[in-house]
């Protein structure tokens, strides 16, 4: 038995184990295979590769929505978009108004939309209530982060001052890492555990990585837009490396739980820079699949899981359990550090709504709906509003061959699973 394990056991018996720090690493608009650790033939992500190799990696992770705002709301709350009411990025405005044509109306409806998360569970709020310093950086949609459990925040969220999806917070990684370094120092001085929301705006467009990274890929990528996207992916990795190395230098790395995922997928348009095709906003695998991994010094045994289904819905309860905090009953995700429980569940769900959401129709779960998805083992059903598509992901991982006409019984069974989920969600809301 190692000295570290003996020390941990003794500390546990004596009740002196320090609460773990938590760093949540959130990629923004990245395809599930675009990592070194996912065997991409060209993209290099050495810092994430090392972190993933030292922890528990789920290759078959999934978002709850292929669009950033509803995806992030699910991560915070542990609930699906049809439960949180955060279904799209922006509100539908009356009389065909837009955020540029009527700024006052835009501000009014956006502020109303920001209130949707009030009363919903929040793992960040619970961390704060249990003594954590909590820092928001990068992507954030729900107004002022300090109203959602963050003790420290880069984003102001004021719609009248340009707040929408992160404002000043979007400088993290692309421009500076100093707010994180200052936050860690303050938390150490106060002897308080910390949580960092690292919602870095990468590899999200604009694909404007440093020229040196573009030059690295321009001759091996199939086209220039892809080279710029690949460069942004490595830029993401570099910033994660800066964060990781800082924690090592400050002696906080070993007692820090890292949780990594992406908000939604991305496949680069070969002809247009900063534009995607058949991925983001779509229920296809390229839009909803993401690797998810957890690393915590020597406390998580390295393992690569190639079959078990994991969901971003599971992140909130996983973090809370790791920090010794009671998980609210409203959170229906599972502990990612208990693979056996995930295997027994063996299915995940995804909501796909329009980009803009009518906040006066939130009681209607079908308003703005494009499709619902259930993945049960290797079977995948996309239930569009006007048709249903069935795929076998084991033989068709990019969901191209629709098998619905050949398997009506399986379509009916999977449709029933979606109906059961919606009935269960409705009962929870009424209780």
Foldseek 3Di string as FASTA:
>chain_A
DDPVVVVVVVCVVVVNDAQFAEEEAAAEAAFACLEVCSPDPAFYQPQVNVQQQQFEKESFEWFQELAFPQRVLLLFQLDHCLQLVCAAQAADFPPPDDCVRDVVSRQVRLLVVLCSNPPGHGLLLLCLVVFAAEEEAAWDANAAVVVRNHPYYQAHRRSVVPHGTGVRRQCQLVPDPVVVLVVVVVCVVVVTHYYYHNHHCPPAPPLDAPPVQLVSCCVPDPASLVSSNSSRVNSSSVSVVVVLVSCVVVVNQQRYKYKYKYSWYFATDRPDHNDGDPTRLDPWSRTIGHMIIIHHHNPHHRDYHHFFYHYSSQNSVQSCVSSVHDDDPVNPHHHPSCSVVSVVVQKDKHFRFDNHHHSVCSVPSCVRGAWMWMQHRQWIWTGGVVDIFIDRCVVPVRRDDGCCVVCVVVNVVVVVVVVVVVVVSVVVVVD
